[in-house]
Amino acid sequence: MESFAIGVDLGGTNLRVALVTSDGKLLEKLTTGTEVARGRDRVITEMSNDIRSLAEKFSTAGTLLGIGIGVPGIIDMSTGFLRESPNLPGWENYPVRDEIERRLGTRVVLENDANAAALGEKWLGAGTEVDDLAMLTLGTGVGGGLILDGRIWHGMTGMAGELGHFSVEPDGHPCGCGSLGCVEQYASATAIVRMARETSKSSNQLRRAVHDNPEFSAKIVYQLALQGDEAAQQIFQQVGWALGIALAGLINGLNLPMYVIGGGVASAWDAFAPAMFEEIALRSFVYRATAPGQTGKIERRHTIVTRALLGSDAGLFGAARLPMLSAEVRDHDAMRKRA
C-alpha cells in the first residue's frame, strides 16, 4: 500500500493542509484563512479539523506516516513551545505541539516554517542533487534554514538558521529583534515598502504610487523598477547589496554547495540578483574574479546561488517530509535492533 503524510503550513494569513505521498505527489490540499484575530484556539481547532478530514478521506488508500506542521517563529524543539512569533500575536510561550496532539490524539512533528521550506527544496526543489544547503526566504520578514546531510540543522536550542538577522549594516535600520541593520531590514517585502516610502520624494512615479494606492506593496515597487523608475531600481539594488553581504558571509563560513533564495520577494530576482552577485564576488573567497591574464569572469567553483523552485508550496512539502524522515529513523533503529 502507498504511504503518505500530512503537511501543514500555518502562516499569519493562510492555513494550508496537504496530503503528500512518500514519493512527493500532492494528493489534496485545503486552504483557508488563518484569522489569527479570532484566537489561537480557533485556529488550532480548524487546523485539526482539516487534518482529521484528510486523514479520514484517505484512510483506506494507504498508511499515514504522520503529521508535520510548519509554524512561523522560534520553537523550543524539546518542549514544542512556540516561544515567539511576530505573525501569530498572542501565541508567545504557547504549547502548540501539545495542544495539537491533544486534539488529534496522535504525535505531530513541529518545525519552524523557514526550516520546513528549506527541507522542501532539498526534497523536491532546487536542492535535490545536494546533501547540504542554506535557504533564505524573503517574505514579510526574512527567514532561513540550514540543511546538513539531508536534515534540518537546529543548533543547540533550535534557533539555528535565523539568517534574516545577520547584521549587514552595524549602525543600520533598527530591527524588531533588537539589533541594527539586519538583512531583514533591507531584503524583506516590509523593508522594500519602507524604503520606497522613505525615497518617494525622489521619484514622481513612486510618490504617486505611495500616496494613491492604499494597498501599496513591494510588488508595485518591483513593477515600477521594471518600467525604468530609477528610485525603485535603486531600492532593489539595496536588496541585492544586503543579500550579497549575507550570502558572502555564509559562503565563506559554511562552504556549502548551494544557497537557495525563496519567498515572494524572490520573484523580483532579475531586479536584485545583479547587485547581489556583484557583492558576493567582492566579499567571498569562493565567488571572486579569476587571476590576471585569465577571462576576468567570476569563478563559481561549483557553489550555486539560485532561486527556489517550489514557490509557496516549499514549506508545505517540507512539513509533510518531516514525519517521513522520522519514520525512516524509526525503521533504521528497528533494523539495527533486530541485527
Protein backbone atom coordinates (compact mmCIF):
# COMPACT_ATOMS: atom_id res chain seq x y z
CA MET A 1 0.00 0.00 0.00
CA GLU A 2 1.06 3.57 -0.60
CA SER A 3 2.34 5.64 2.32
CA PHE A 4 1.75 9.33 2.80
CA ALA A 5 1.96 12.15 5.32
CA ILE A 6 0.02 15.29 6.10
CA GLY A 7 1.86 18.60 5.94
CA VAL A 8 0.60 21.88 7.40
CA ASP A 9 1.83 25.38 6.58
CA LEU A 10 0.49 27.72 9.25
CA GLY A 11 1.00 31.34 8.25
CA GLY A 12 -0.21 34.63 9.59
CA THR A 13 -2.61 34.94 6.64
CA ASN A 14 -3.31 31.44 5.30
CA LEU A 15 -3.60 27.96 6.74
CA ARG A 16 -2.80 25.20 4.26
CA VAL A 17 -3.06 21.47 4.85
CA ALA A 18 -1.99 18.86 2.28
CA LEU A 19 -1.73 15.11 1.88
CA VAL A 20 1.55 14.12 0.20
CA THR A 21 2.76 10.66 -0.82
CA SER A 22 6.19 9.36 0.15
CA ASP A 23 7.39 9.99 -3.42
CA GLY A 24 6.30 13.64 -3.34
CA LYS A 25 2.93 13.56 -5.08
CA LEU A 26 0.39 16.02 -3.68
CA LEU A 27 -2.96 14.23 -3.42
CA GLU A 28 -5.09 17.03 -2.00
CA LYS A 29 -4.66 20.49 -0.48
CA LEU A 30 -7.01 22.53 1.71
CA THR A 31 -6.53 26.28 2.06
CA THR A 32 -8.34 28.59 4.46
CA GLY A 33 -7.71 31.97 6.09
CA THR A 34 -5.81 31.79 9.37
CA GLU A 35 -7.91 34.53 11.04
CA VAL A 36 -5.49 34.99 13.92
CA ALA A 37 -7.69 37.72 15.37
CA ARG A 38 -10.21 35.04 16.36
CA GLY A 39 -7.71 33.47 18.73
CA ARG A 40 -5.24 30.62 18.73
CA ASP A 41 -7.73 28.01 19.98
CA ARG A 42 -9.95 28.68 16.99
CA VAL A 43 -7.03 28.42 14.55
CA ILE A 44 -5.78 25.15 16.07
CA THR A 45 -9.29 23.69 16.09
CA GLU A 46 -9.77 24.50 12.40
CA MET A 47 -6.33 23.09 11.60
CA SER A 48 -7.10 19.89 13.49
CA ASN A 49 -10.42 19.54 11.69
CA ASP A 50 -8.72 19.86 8.29
CA ILE A 51 -6.07 17.31 9.25
CA ARG A 52 -8.71 14.90 10.50
CA SER A 53 -10.77 15.38 7.34
CA LEU A 54 -7.88 14.47 5.04
CA ALA A 55 -6.77 11.55 7.20
CA GLU A 56 -10.28 10.06 7.20
CA LYS A 57 -10.80 10.63 3.46
CA PHE A 58 -7.66 8.69 2.56
CA SER A 59 -7.75 6.19 5.43
CA THR A 60 -8.20 3.23 3.07
CA ALA A 61 -5.74 4.49 0.45
CA GLY A 62 -2.55 3.72 2.32
CA THR A 63 -0.53 4.19 5.51
CA LEU A 64 -0.42 7.57 7.23
CA LEU A 65 3.16 8.10 8.38
CA GLY A 66 2.42 11.16 10.47
CA ILE A 67 1.73 14.88 10.56
CA GLY A 68 4.24 17.69 10.15
CA ILE A 69 3.48 21.33 10.90
CA GLY A 70 5.47 24.40 9.90
CA VAL A 71 4.94 27.42 12.15
CA PRO A 72 6.45 30.92 11.85
CA GLY A 73 8.57 31.83 14.82
CA ILE A 74 11.06 30.45 17.31
CA ILE A 75 10.27 26.95 18.53
CA ASP A 76 11.69 25.16 21.56
CA MET A 77 12.27 21.82 19.85
CA SER A 78 12.44 19.84 23.10
CA THR A 79 9.12 21.07 24.52
CA GLY A 80 7.16 22.03 21.42
CA PHE A 81 6.53 25.55 22.76
CA LEU A 82 6.29 28.44 20.31
CA ARG A 83 8.45 30.97 22.11
CA GLU A 84 7.94 33.94 19.79
CA SER A 85 6.08 34.62 16.55
CA PRO A 86 5.57 38.09 15.05
CA ASN A 87 2.97 36.73 12.60
CA LEU A 88 0.91 34.99 15.29
CA PRO A 89 0.21 37.58 18.00
CA GLY A 90 -0.84 36.05 21.30
CA TRP A 91 0.95 32.75 20.67
CA GLU A 92 4.09 33.56 22.67
CA ASN A 93 5.23 30.75 25.01
CA TYR A 94 2.31 28.61 23.85
CA PRO A 95 2.50 24.76 23.88
CA VAL A 96 1.50 24.41 20.23
CA ARG A 97 2.62 20.81 19.79
CA ASP A 98 0.83 19.54 22.92
CA GLU A 99 -2.39 21.36 22.04
CA ILE A 100 -2.49 19.89 18.52
CA GLU A 101 -1.59 16.40 19.75
CA ARG A 102 -4.33 16.62 22.38
CA ARG A 103 -6.96 17.43 19.76
CA LEU A 104 -5.79 14.79 17.28
CA GLY A 105 -4.81 12.06 19.70
CA THR A 106 -1.54 11.41 17.85
CA ARG A 107 2.04 12.65 17.68
CA VAL A 108 2.97 15.52 15.38
CA VAL A 109 6.32 16.97 14.29
CA LEU A 110 6.54 20.73 14.80
CA GLU A 111 9.05 22.83 12.87
CA ASN A 112 9.88 26.43 12.02
CA ASP A 113 8.27 27.31 8.68
CA ALA A 114 11.50 28.50 7.02
CA ASN A 115 13.25 25.29 8.08
CA ALA A 116 10.36 23.36 6.57
CA ALA A 117 10.69 25.34 3.32
CA ALA A 118 14.41 24.54 3.16
CA LEU A 119 13.64 20.84 3.67
CA GLY A 120 11.01 21.01 0.92
CA GLU A 121 13.50 22.50 -1.54
CA LYS A 122 16.02 19.82 -0.59
CA TRP A 123 13.48 17.05 -1.15
CA LEU A 124 11.67 18.16 -4.31
CA GLY A 125 13.01 21.55 -5.39
CA ALA A 126 16.31 23.22 -6.19
CA GLY A 127 18.36 21.07 -3.81
CA THR A 128 17.58 17.55 -4.94
CA GLU A 129 21.17 16.95 -6.10
CA VAL A 130 22.92 18.16 -2.93
CA ASP A 131 23.00 16.99 0.69
CA ASP A 132 23.73 20.41 2.20
CA LEU A 133 22.18 23.81 1.54
CA ALA A 134 21.19 27.10 3.13
CA MET A 135 17.93 28.83 2.24
CA LEU A 136 16.74 32.39 2.75
CA THR A 137 13.01 33.07 2.47
CA LEU A 138 12.19 36.66 1.55
CA GLY A 139 8.65 37.47 2.62
CA THR A 140 7.14 39.81 5.19
CA GLY A 141 10.40 39.20 7.03
CA VAL A 142 13.49 37.19 6.09
CA GLY A 143 13.64 33.64 7.36
CA GLY A 144 16.23 30.97 6.84
CA GLY A 145 17.04 27.31 7.17
CA LEU A 146 20.10 25.08 7.08
CA ILE A 147 20.09 21.55 5.69
CA LEU A 148 23.15 19.46 6.58
CA ASP A 149 23.47 15.85 5.47
CA GLY A 150 19.87 15.96 4.28
CA ARG A 151 18.45 17.01 7.66
CA ILE A 152 17.45 20.30 9.25
CA TRP A 153 20.21 21.74 11.43
CA HIS A 154 18.65 23.10 14.61
CA GLY A 155 21.72 24.10 16.60
CA MET A 156 21.84 23.95 20.39
CA THR A 157 18.36 25.27 21.19
CA GLY A 158 16.55 25.11 17.85
CA MET A 159 17.37 28.65 16.73
CA ALA A 160 19.91 27.81 14.03
CA GLY A 161 19.08 29.24 10.62
CA GLU A 162 17.88 32.70 11.68
CA LEU A 163 19.66 34.05 8.62
CA GLY A 164 17.44 37.11 8.34
CA HIS A 165 19.15 38.52 11.42
CA PHE A 166 22.66 38.64 10.07
CA SER A 167 23.70 42.27 10.52
CA VAL A 168 24.81 43.75 7.19
CA GLU A 169 24.99 47.36 8.42
CA PRO A 170 26.24 47.67 12.03
CA ASP A 171 24.60 51.07 12.56
CA GLY A 172 21.72 50.48 10.18
CA HIS A 173 17.94 50.44 10.48
CA PRO A 174 16.60 49.11 13.81
CA CYS A 175 15.23 45.58 13.64
CA GLY A 176 12.40 44.06 15.63
CA CYS A 177 14.85 41.52 17.03
CA GLY A 178 16.61 44.34 18.91
CA SER A 179 19.67 44.57 16.68
CA LEU A 180 20.57 47.08 13.97
CA GLY A 181 20.99 46.64 10.23
CA CYS A 182 19.72 43.07 9.91
CA VAL A 183 19.32 41.76 6.37
CA GLU A 184 15.58 41.59 7.11
CA GLN A 185 15.56 45.40 7.21
CA TYR A 186 16.79 45.60 3.60
CA ALA A 187 15.59 42.47 1.78
CA SER A 188 12.06 41.75 3.01
CA ALA A 189 8.79 42.92 1.47
CA THR A 190 8.24 45.10 4.53
CA ALA A 191 11.66 46.68 4.08
CA ILE A 192 11.05 47.38 0.39
CA VAL A 193 7.82 49.21 1.23
CA ARG A 194 9.59 51.20 3.96
CA MET A 195 12.48 52.16 1.70
CA ALA A 196 10.01 53.17 -1.03
CA ARG A 197 8.18 55.49 1.36
CA GLU A 198 11.48 56.96 2.55
CA THR A 199 12.69 57.71 -1.00
CA SER A 200 9.35 58.55 -2.66
CA LYS A 201 10.24 62.27 -2.86
CA SER A 202 12.92 61.48 -5.42
CA SER A 203 10.51 59.90 -7.92
CA ASN A 204 7.19 61.26 -9.17
CA GLN A 205 6.00 57.76 -10.10
CA LEU A 206 6.97 56.31 -6.74
CA ARG A 207 5.43 59.23 -4.86
CA ARG A 208 2.11 58.81 -6.69
CA ALA A 209 2.14 55.05 -6.08
CA VAL A 210 2.78 55.53 -2.36
CA HIS A 211 0.08 58.17 -1.85
CA ASP A 212 -2.58 56.99 -4.30
CA ASN A 213 -2.63 53.27 -3.57
CA PRO A 214 -3.99 52.20 -0.17
CA GLU A 215 -2.59 48.70 -0.80
CA PHE A 216 0.90 49.87 -1.74
CA SER A 217 3.23 46.86 -1.75
CA ALA A 218 6.67 45.57 -2.69
CA LYS A 219 5.13 44.17 -5.87
CA ILE A 220 4.22 47.69 -7.00
CA VAL A 221 7.79 48.86 -6.36
CA TYR A 222 9.03 45.96 -8.49
CA GLN A 223 6.66 46.89 -11.31
CA LEU A 224 7.99 50.45 -11.23
CA ALA A 225 11.55 49.12 -11.35
CA LEU A 226 10.67 47.11 -14.46
CA GLN A 227 9.25 50.28 -16.01
CA GLY A 228 12.60 52.01 -15.54
CA ASP A 229 11.96 54.09 -12.43
CA GLU A 230 15.45 54.79 -11.06
CA ALA A 231 14.39 55.18 -7.42
CA ALA A 232 12.63 51.80 -7.50
CA GLN A 233 15.62 50.20 -9.20
CA GLN A 234 17.92 51.59 -6.51
CA ILE A 235 15.74 50.01 -3.83
CA PHE A 236 16.22 46.57 -5.39
CA GLN A 237 19.93 47.26 -5.72
CA GLN A 238 19.85 47.79 -1.96
CA VAL A 239 18.07 44.45 -1.59
CA GLY A 240 20.80 42.78 -3.65
CA TRP A 241 23.54 44.55 -1.67
CA ALA A 242 22.19 43.25 1.64
CA LEU A 243 21.67 39.72 0.34
CA GLY A 244 25.13 39.71 -1.22
CA ILE A 245 26.81 40.60 2.05
CA ALA A 246 24.82 37.98 3.97
CA LEU A 247 25.42 35.27 1.38
CA ALA A 248 29.13 36.02 1.10
CA GLY A 249 29.44 35.52 4.85
CA LEU A 250 27.54 32.26 4.64
CA ILE A 251 29.63 31.05 1.73
CA ASN A 252 32.89 31.92 3.48
CA GLY A 253 31.79 30.43 6.78
CA LEU A 254 29.94 27.29 5.70
CA ASN A 255 31.30 26.41 2.23
CA LEU A 256 28.05 24.65 1.29
CA PRO A 257 27.39 23.63 -2.32
CA MET A 258 24.09 25.53 -2.61
CA TYR A 259 22.31 28.64 -1.34
CA VAL A 260 18.62 28.96 -2.25
CA ILE A 261 16.52 32.13 -2.21
CA GLY A 262 12.74 31.76 -1.95
CA GLY A 263 9.69 33.64 -0.73
CA GLY A 264 7.56 36.21 -2.50
CA VAL A 265 10.35 38.77 -2.98
CA ALA A 266 12.36 36.18 -4.93
CA SER A 267 10.01 36.84 -7.87
CA ALA A 268 11.95 40.12 -8.28
CA TRP A 269 15.14 38.13 -8.89
CA ASP A 270 16.06 39.97 -12.07
CA ALA A 271 15.89 43.31 -10.21
CA PHE A 272 18.15 42.42 -7.27
CA ALA A 273 20.30 39.48 -8.44
CA PRO A 274 22.93 41.52 -10.40
CA ALA A 275 23.79 43.63 -7.34
CA MET A 276 23.68 40.52 -5.15
CA PHE A 277 26.18 38.59 -7.28
CA GLU A 278 28.42 41.64 -7.57
CA GLU A 279 28.56 41.90 -3.78
CA ILE A 280 29.14 38.16 -3.37
CA ALA A 281 32.03 38.30 -5.83
CA LEU A 282 33.58 41.20 -3.93
CA ARG A 283 33.31 39.65 -0.47
CA SER A 284 33.56 35.87 -0.87
CA PHE A 285 36.65 33.73 -1.30
CA VAL A 286 34.64 31.31 -3.44
CA TYR A 287 32.90 33.85 -5.68
CA ARG A 288 35.77 36.05 -6.81
CA ALA A 289 37.41 37.28 -10.00
CA THR A 290 39.84 34.97 -11.71
CA ALA A 291 43.56 35.69 -11.67
CA PRO A 292 45.02 38.34 -14.06
CA GLY A 293 45.54 37.12 -17.57
CA GLN A 294 42.51 34.82 -17.47
CA THR A 295 38.96 35.55 -18.58
CA GLY A 296 38.15 38.08 -15.87
CA LYS A 297 34.81 36.41 -15.23
CA ILE A 298 33.54 35.30 -11.86
CA GLU A 299 34.66 31.80 -10.91
CA ARG A 300 31.95 29.94 -9.01
CA ARG A 301 33.84 26.76 -8.19
CA HIS A 302 30.65 24.72 -8.05
CA THR A 303 28.99 26.91 -5.40
CA ILE A 304 25.41 27.55 -6.55
CA VAL A 305 23.24 30.51 -5.57
CA THR A 306 19.81 30.04 -7.09
CA ARG A 307 16.09 30.70 -6.84
CA ALA A 308 13.79 28.25 -5.11
CA LEU A 309 11.68 26.06 -7.39
CA LEU A 310 8.65 25.13 -5.28
CA GLY A 311 7.27 28.61 -4.69
CA SER A 312 4.77 28.89 -1.85
CA ASP A 313 4.48 25.09 -1.60
CA ALA A 314 8.04 24.59 -0.33
CA GLY A 315 7.01 24.80 3.32
CA LEU A 316 4.02 22.53 2.74
CA PHE A 317 6.11 19.79 1.14
CA GLY A 318 8.80 20.21 3.78
CA ALA A 319 6.26 19.86 6.58
CA ALA A 320 4.96 16.64 5.03
CA ARG A 321 8.51 15.35 4.72
CA LEU A 322 9.14 15.72 8.47
CA PRO A 323 7.17 12.64 9.63
CA MET A 324 8.55 10.65 6.70
CA LEU A 325 12.08 11.27 7.96
CA SER A 326 11.01 10.35 11.50
CA ALA A 327 9.57 7.09 10.16
CA GLU A 328 12.83 6.36 8.32
CA VAL A 329 14.77 6.86 11.57
CA ARG A 330 12.40 4.53 13.44
CA ASP A 331 12.72 1.86 10.73
CA HIS A 332 16.50 2.18 10.75
CA ASP A 333 16.66 1.85 14.55
CA ALA A 334 14.35 -1.18 14.43
CA MET A 335 16.57 -2.88 11.84
CA ARG A 336 19.66 -2.25 13.96
CA LYS A 337 17.99 -3.80 16.98
CA ARG A 338 17.00 -6.90 15.01
CA ALA A 339 20.54 -7.18 13.70
